[in-house]
Amino acid sequence: MDSNAIQIRGLEKVYAAAGNHPEKVALKGVDLDVPEGSIFGLLGPNGAGKSTLINILAGLVIKTAGKVTIWGFDQDVNPRQSRASIGVMPQELNLDPFFTPRAALEVQAGLYGVPKSQRRTDEILEMIGLTDKAEAYARSLSGGMRRRLLLGKALVHHPRILVLDEPTAGVDIELRNMLWQNVRRLNEEGMTIILTTHYLEEAEQMCDEIAIINHGEVIARDTTAALVGRMDGKTLVIHPDGDVPDDLHLPAGVTMEKRRDGALAFSYRRGEIGTGAVLEAVRDAGLRMRDVATEEPDLEDVFVALTRSDDAAA
């Protein structure tokens, strides 16, 4: 196998017309590589095609066209091996309410053909913090505990790749922190992680590389740092000490906005003007400064800019 945990070429999915629902093109010739050992973010607005892509990887949806290779196994040629190489933690809490966590993990391992001697039920229960609830019915677990159990079920067959579909949606801070500790640990042990999330700050902190999908197409794919670096804007925020002069002459390309807290936000493009030139203009105008800070663009800025421009083009 080469250095990609997943290779996707020309992936298409068309849902046929049914009743009053017209034909829907969910994926339009997607090409995507997920590097082995990475934490890879798959982002996009609702209806962009993320769930369809994940369900195809998991073997739950049949693709219309294209080629999917998972851990070196062509999904069409070796469907069992490709499916065994990936574990999916779904967004929906789809658990049997009458199974205990231990039973749920054992049944899941049996479905994947994991011999009893190779099952890690106790180890997984400890990792997801459910050892003391191992014999409690799933219906008695809290929402956070059920989400932990979904993670455990995704790990029972020793997958090389773990897909987390909106894993922290609606969970508390404690569970979120515990989940990311486990994800980092699994990644350090060599597991490739694919993450979908609407929390863009979370993706920026966790992911090595990110693909943004919209209208069934990949519109951007790069390292997280490179994606953020595409935004050339920068903002210098000054809290004035005293009145703001009326004759504040700014260099060409610099705009000023007065914020509700009284701060002055000077926006400009880093490639065209330096922060020093903005500060010099402010000093020359006689503006006294109590505090100065800069604001850099983040992944949310990139996401909004790309999806907005893509929608406009459509």
Protein backbone atom coordinates (compact mmCIF):
# COMPACT_ATOMS: atom_id res chain seq x y z
CA MET A 1 0.00 0.00 0.00
CA ASP A 2 1.18 3.55 -0.69
CA SER A 3 1.05 6.39 1.83
CA ASN A 4 -2.69 7.02 1.45
CA ALA A 5 -5.13 5.31 3.79
CA ILE A 6 -7.98 6.13 1.40
CA GLN A 7 -7.94 6.90 -2.31
CA ILE A 8 -11.08 8.09 -4.09
CA ARG A 9 -11.23 8.64 -7.83
CA GLY A 10 -14.19 9.92 -9.85
CA LEU A 11 -16.71 9.08 -7.14
CA GLU A 12 -20.30 9.77 -8.14
CA LYS A 13 -23.59 9.13 -6.43
CA VAL A 14 -26.97 9.82 -8.01
CA TYR A 15 -30.16 9.10 -6.09
CA ALA A 16 -32.92 8.12 -8.51
CA ALA A 17 -36.18 10.03 -8.63
CA ALA A 18 -38.84 8.63 -6.32
CA GLY A 19 -42.40 9.86 -5.97
CA ASN A 20 -42.41 13.63 -5.72
CA HIS A 21 -38.64 13.74 -5.22
CA PRO A 22 -36.60 14.43 -8.36
CA GLU A 23 -33.27 12.80 -9.15
CA LYS A 24 -30.51 14.09 -6.86
CA VAL A 25 -26.82 14.21 -7.67
CA ALA A 26 -25.08 13.90 -4.29
CA LEU A 27 -21.46 13.46 -5.44
CA LYS A 28 -19.99 14.75 -8.69
CA GLY A 29 -16.74 13.00 -9.61
CA VAL A 30 -14.96 13.39 -6.28
CA ASP A 31 -11.18 12.80 -6.20
CA LEU A 32 -9.69 12.63 -2.71
CA ASP A 33 -6.65 11.18 -0.94
CA VAL A 34 -6.50 10.76 2.84
CA PRO A 35 -2.88 10.35 4.02
CA GLU A 36 -2.08 7.40 6.24
CA GLY A 37 -1.67 8.35 9.90
CA SER A 38 -3.30 11.78 9.56
CA ILE A 39 -6.23 13.43 11.27
CA PHE A 40 -8.18 14.51 8.21
CA GLY A 41 -11.09 16.94 8.30
CA LEU A 42 -14.03 16.62 5.90
CA LEU A 43 -16.01 19.84 6.10
CA GLY A 44 -18.96 21.29 4.28
CA PRO A 45 -22.43 22.80 4.79
CA ASN A 46 -25.52 20.65 5.31
CA GLY A 47 -26.42 18.74 2.17
CA ALA A 48 -22.94 19.10 0.69
CA GLY A 49 -22.42 15.35 0.29
CA LYS A 50 -20.35 14.52 3.38
CA SER A 51 -22.72 11.90 4.76
CA THR A 52 -23.11 10.22 1.37
CA LEU A 53 -19.33 10.02 1.04
CA ILE A 54 -18.94 8.54 4.53
CA ASN A 55 -21.73 6.01 3.95
CA ILE A 56 -20.07 4.87 0.74
CA LEU A 57 -16.79 4.38 2.61
CA ALA A 58 -18.64 2.38 5.27
CA GLY A 59 -20.33 0.21 2.65
CA LEU A 60 -23.80 1.45 3.57
CA VAL A 61 -24.48 3.24 0.28
CA ILE A 62 -23.70 1.88 -3.19
CA LYS A 63 -21.85 4.35 -5.38
CA THR A 64 -23.02 5.16 -8.89
CA ALA A 65 -19.53 5.40 -10.39
CA GLY A 66 -15.88 5.77 -9.43
CA LYS A 67 -13.25 3.86 -7.51
CA VAL A 68 -12.72 3.69 -3.73
CA THR A 69 -9.61 2.11 -2.22
CA ILE A 70 -9.47 1.66 1.56
CA TRP A 71 -6.15 0.63 3.09
CA GLY A 72 -5.05 -0.76 -0.25
CA PHE A 73 -8.26 -2.76 -0.87
CA ASP A 74 -10.43 -1.87 -3.85
CA GLN A 75 -13.97 -1.65 -2.50
CA ASP A 76 -15.37 -3.45 -5.56
CA VAL A 77 -12.75 -6.24 -5.63
CA ASN A 78 -12.27 -6.81 -1.89
CA PRO A 79 -15.41 -5.46 -0.18
CA ARG A 80 -14.95 -7.43 3.06
CA GLN A 81 -11.32 -6.39 3.55
CA SER A 82 -12.02 -2.76 2.74
CA ARG A 83 -14.97 -2.68 5.13
CA ALA A 84 -12.93 -4.35 7.88
CA SER A 85 -10.27 -1.65 7.54
CA ILE A 86 -12.60 1.15 8.58
CA GLY A 87 -14.68 1.89 11.66
CA VAL A 88 -17.41 4.52 11.70
CA MET A 89 -18.78 6.38 14.71
CA PRO A 90 -22.12 7.67 13.36
CA GLN A 91 -23.81 10.87 14.38
CA GLU A 92 -27.09 9.13 15.17
CA LEU A 93 -27.45 7.30 18.49
CA ASN A 94 -28.41 3.96 16.93
CA LEU A 95 -28.11 1.58 19.89
CA ASP A 96 -30.21 -1.39 20.96
CA PRO A 97 -31.77 -0.18 24.24
CA PHE A 98 -31.81 -3.70 25.72
CA PHE A 99 -28.11 -4.41 25.20
CA THR A 100 -25.55 -3.60 27.87
CA PRO A 101 -22.35 -1.87 26.72
CA ARG A 102 -20.44 -5.12 27.15
CA ALA A 103 -23.00 -7.07 25.12
CA ALA A 104 -23.12 -4.37 22.43
CA LEU A 105 -19.34 -4.54 21.98
CA GLU A 106 -19.32 -8.34 21.96
CA VAL A 107 -22.10 -8.55 19.37
CA GLN A 108 -20.39 -5.95 17.19
CA ALA A 109 -17.11 -7.85 17.37
CA GLY A 110 -18.95 -11.04 16.43
CA LEU A 111 -20.51 -9.36 13.41
CA TYR A 112 -17.01 -8.49 12.18
CA GLY A 113 -15.80 -12.04 12.80
CA VAL A 114 -13.37 -11.12 15.56
CA PRO A 115 -12.44 -14.33 17.48
CA LYS A 116 -13.15 -14.22 21.20
CA SER A 117 -9.45 -14.53 21.97
CA GLN A 118 -8.78 -11.31 20.04
CA ARG A 119 -11.58 -9.19 21.44
CA ARG A 120 -10.66 -6.17 23.56
CA THR A 121 -13.99 -5.50 25.21
CA ASP A 122 -12.63 -4.66 28.67
CA GLU A 123 -9.88 -2.48 27.22
CA ILE A 124 -12.36 -0.55 25.09
CA LEU A 125 -14.80 -0.14 27.99
CA GLU A 126 -12.01 1.37 30.06
CA MET A 127 -10.88 3.67 27.27
CA ILE A 128 -14.38 5.09 26.73
CA GLY A 129 -15.05 5.38 30.47
CA LEU A 130 -17.87 2.83 30.68
CA THR A 131 -16.30 0.12 32.84
CA ASP A 132 -18.67 0.88 35.72
CA LYS A 133 -21.64 0.82 33.31
CA ALA A 134 -20.61 -2.36 31.50
CA GLU A 135 -23.70 -4.29 32.64
CA ALA A 136 -26.25 -1.45 32.51
CA TYR A 137 -28.86 -1.45 29.76
CA ALA A 138 -28.10 1.08 27.01
CA ARG A 139 -31.51 2.68 27.56
CA SER A 140 -30.36 3.75 31.05
CA LEU A 141 -27.23 5.51 29.79
CA SER A 142 -27.02 9.26 29.37
CA GLY A 143 -26.67 10.75 25.91
CA GLY A 144 -22.96 11.30 26.46
CA MET A 145 -22.43 7.71 27.56
CA ARG A 146 -24.28 6.43 24.51
CA ARG A 147 -22.03 8.49 22.28
CA ARG A 148 -18.98 6.98 24.00
CA LEU A 149 -20.42 3.53 23.33
CA LEU A 150 -20.72 4.37 19.62
CA LEU A 151 -16.98 5.10 19.62
CA GLY A 152 -16.32 1.76 21.32
CA LYS A 153 -18.41 -0.11 18.73
CA ALA A 154 -16.41 1.50 15.94
CA LEU A 155 -13.17 0.14 17.42
CA VAL A 156 -14.04 -3.51 18.15
CA HIS A 157 -12.55 -4.91 14.91
CA HIS A 158 -9.18 -3.13 15.15
CA PRO A 159 -9.76 -0.79 12.18
CA ARG A 160 -6.88 1.04 10.55
CA ILE A 161 -9.14 4.02 9.84
CA LEU A 162 -11.68 5.65 12.14
CA VAL A 163 -14.41 7.95 10.83
CA LEU A 164 -16.00 10.33 13.33
CA ASP A 165 -19.22 11.85 11.98
CA GLU A 166 -20.06 14.96 14.02
CA PRO A 167 -18.76 13.25 17.20
CA THR A 168 -19.13 16.24 19.53
CA ALA A 169 -22.51 17.55 18.35
CA GLY A 170 -24.52 18.43 21.44
CA VAL A 171 -22.08 16.99 23.98
CA ASP A 172 -20.66 18.67 27.07
CA ILE A 173 -17.11 19.94 27.46
CA GLU A 174 -16.00 17.00 29.62
CA LEU A 175 -17.07 14.42 27.04
CA ARG A 176 -15.56 16.47 24.22
CA ASN A 177 -12.20 16.62 25.98
CA MET A 178 -12.28 12.89 26.73
CA LEU A 179 -13.12 12.12 23.12
CA TRP A 180 -10.24 14.19 21.76
CA GLN A 181 -7.80 12.64 24.22
CA ASN A 182 -8.79 9.22 22.91
CA VAL A 183 -8.59 10.39 19.29
CA ARG A 184 -5.09 11.79 19.78
CA ARG A 185 -4.00 8.59 21.51
CA LEU A 186 -5.37 6.41 18.70
CA ASN A 187 -3.72 8.64 16.11
CA GLU A 188 -0.38 8.47 17.93
CA GLU A 189 -0.70 4.68 17.79
CA GLY A 190 -0.97 4.91 13.98
CA MET A 191 -4.69 5.08 13.33
CA THR A 192 -5.91 7.37 10.55
CA ILE A 193 -8.78 9.60 11.67
CA ILE A 194 -11.40 11.21 9.42
CA LEU A 195 -13.45 13.90 11.14
CA THR A 196 -16.59 15.71 10.07
CA THR A 197 -17.67 18.59 12.29
CA HIS A 198 -19.52 21.88 12.22
CA TYR A 199 -17.20 23.22 14.93
CA LEU A 200 -14.59 24.82 12.69
CA GLU A 201 -12.39 25.86 15.59
CA GLU A 202 -12.28 22.19 16.59
CA ALA A 203 -11.25 21.15 13.09
CA GLU A 204 -8.55 23.82 12.99
CA GLN A 205 -7.07 22.56 16.26
CA MET A 206 -7.32 18.83 15.52
CA CYS A 207 -6.80 18.28 11.79
CA ASP A 208 -3.54 18.01 9.87
CA GLU A 209 -5.29 18.35 6.52
CA ILE A 210 -8.78 19.39 5.48
CA ALA A 211 -11.05 18.95 2.47
CA ILE A 212 -14.06 21.21 2.00
CA ILE A 213 -16.94 19.76 0.00
CA ASN A 214 -19.91 21.68 -1.37
CA HIS A 215 -22.65 20.68 -3.81
CA GLY A 216 -21.06 17.23 -4.12
CA GLU A 217 -17.65 18.53 -5.18
CA VAL A 218 -14.35 19.05 -3.35
CA ILE A 219 -13.75 22.79 -3.60
CA ALA A 220 -10.58 22.92 -1.47
CA ARG A 221 -8.10 20.41 -0.08
CA ASP A 222 -4.85 21.31 1.68
CA THR A 223 -3.06 21.35 4.99
CA THR A 224 -4.93 23.28 7.65
CA ALA A 225 -2.18 25.89 7.83
CA ALA A 226 -2.17 26.39 4.05
CA LEU A 227 -5.94 26.77 3.91
CA VAL A 228 -5.89 29.42 6.62
CA GLY A 229 -2.95 31.06 4.85
CA ARG A 230 -5.11 31.61 1.77
CA MET A 231 -6.83 34.43 3.59
CA ASP A 232 -4.56 37.44 3.23
CA GLY A 233 -6.57 39.71 5.47
CA LYS A 234 -5.34 40.99 8.81
CA THR A 235 -6.84 43.29 11.42
CA LEU A 236 -5.03 45.61 13.81
CA VAL A 237 -7.19 46.37 16.86
CA ILE A 238 -6.36 49.50 18.84
CA HIS A 239 -8.00 50.59 22.07
CA PRO A 240 -7.51 54.38 22.04
CA ASP A 241 -6.50 56.32 25.13
CA GLY A 242 -8.51 59.49 24.68
CA ASP A 243 -10.36 61.02 21.76
CA VAL A 244 -9.94 59.80 18.20
CA PRO A 245 -8.58 62.54 15.90
CA ASP A 246 -10.82 63.63 13.06
CA ASP A 247 -7.93 63.82 10.56
CA LEU A 248 -6.91 60.19 10.71
CA HIS A 249 -5.33 59.64 7.30
CA LEU A 250 -4.78 55.96 6.55
CA PRO A 251 -2.61 54.34 3.87
CA ALA A 252 -4.39 53.20 0.71
CA GLY A 253 -6.04 49.82 1.22
CA VAL A 254 -6.62 50.25 4.96
CA THR A 255 -10.16 50.55 6.31
CA MET A 256 -11.22 51.46 9.84
CA GLU A 257 -14.23 50.28 11.81
CA LYS A 258 -15.23 51.49 15.27
CA ARG A 259 -16.43 48.62 17.44
CA ARG A 260 -19.04 48.71 20.17
CA ASP A 261 -16.42 48.55 22.92
CA GLY A 262 -14.73 51.66 21.51
CA ALA A 263 -11.88 49.79 19.88
CA LEU A 264 -10.74 50.75 16.39
CA ALA A 265 -10.28 47.87 13.94
CA PHE A 266 -7.95 48.59 11.01
CA SER A 267 -8.26 45.96 8.26
CA TYR A 268 -5.78 45.46 5.42
CA ARG A 269 -4.13 42.81 3.26
CA ARG A 270 -0.86 41.48 4.54
CA GLY A 271 0.55 41.08 1.06
CA GLU A 272 0.05 44.78 0.27
CA ILE A 273 0.87 46.65 3.47
CA GLY A 274 2.66 45.98 6.72
CA THR A 275 1.41 46.43 10.26
CA GLY A 276 4.18 48.95 10.88
CA ALA A 277 2.79 51.29 8.22
CA VAL A 278 -0.64 51.23 9.85
CA LEU A 279 0.81 51.93 13.29
CA GLU A 280 2.92 54.77 11.89
CA ALA A 281 -0.16 56.42 10.34
CA VAL A 282 -2.01 56.14 13.64
CA ARG A 283 0.88 57.69 15.58
CA ASP A 284 1.27 60.51 13.03
CA ALA A 285 -2.39 61.38 13.56
CA GLY A 286 -1.71 61.84 17.29
CA LEU A 287 -3.83 58.91 18.42
CA ARG A 288 -2.75 57.65 21.83
CA MET A 289 -3.02 53.88 22.25
CA ARG A 290 -3.93 52.08 25.46
CA ASP A 291 -3.76 48.58 23.99
CA VAL A 292 -2.89 47.03 20.63
CA ALA A 293 -3.63 43.55 19.26
CA THR A 294 -3.81 41.79 15.90
CA GLU A 295 -6.40 39.37 14.58
CA GLU A 296 -5.52 36.68 12.05
CA PRO A 297 -8.02 34.85 9.83
CA ASP A 298 -9.13 31.40 10.97
CA LEU A 299 -10.66 28.35 9.34
CA GLU A 300 -14.17 29.77 9.71
CA ASP A 301 -13.18 32.72 7.52
CA VAL A 302 -11.81 30.34 4.88
CA PHE A 303 -14.89 28.10 5.04
CA VAL A 304 -17.33 30.99 4.68
CA ALA A 305 -15.36 32.56 1.84
CA LEU A 306 -15.07 29.32 -0.14
CA THR A 307 -18.62 28.06 0.31
CA ARG A 308 -20.08 31.50 -0.32
CA SER A 309 -18.13 31.94 -3.56
CA ASP A 310 -19.03 28.39 -4.60
CA ASP A 311 -22.73 29.09 -3.98
CA ALA A 312 -22.50 32.31 -5.96
CA ALA A 313 -20.91 30.45 -8.87
CA ALA A 314 -23.66 27.84 -8.78
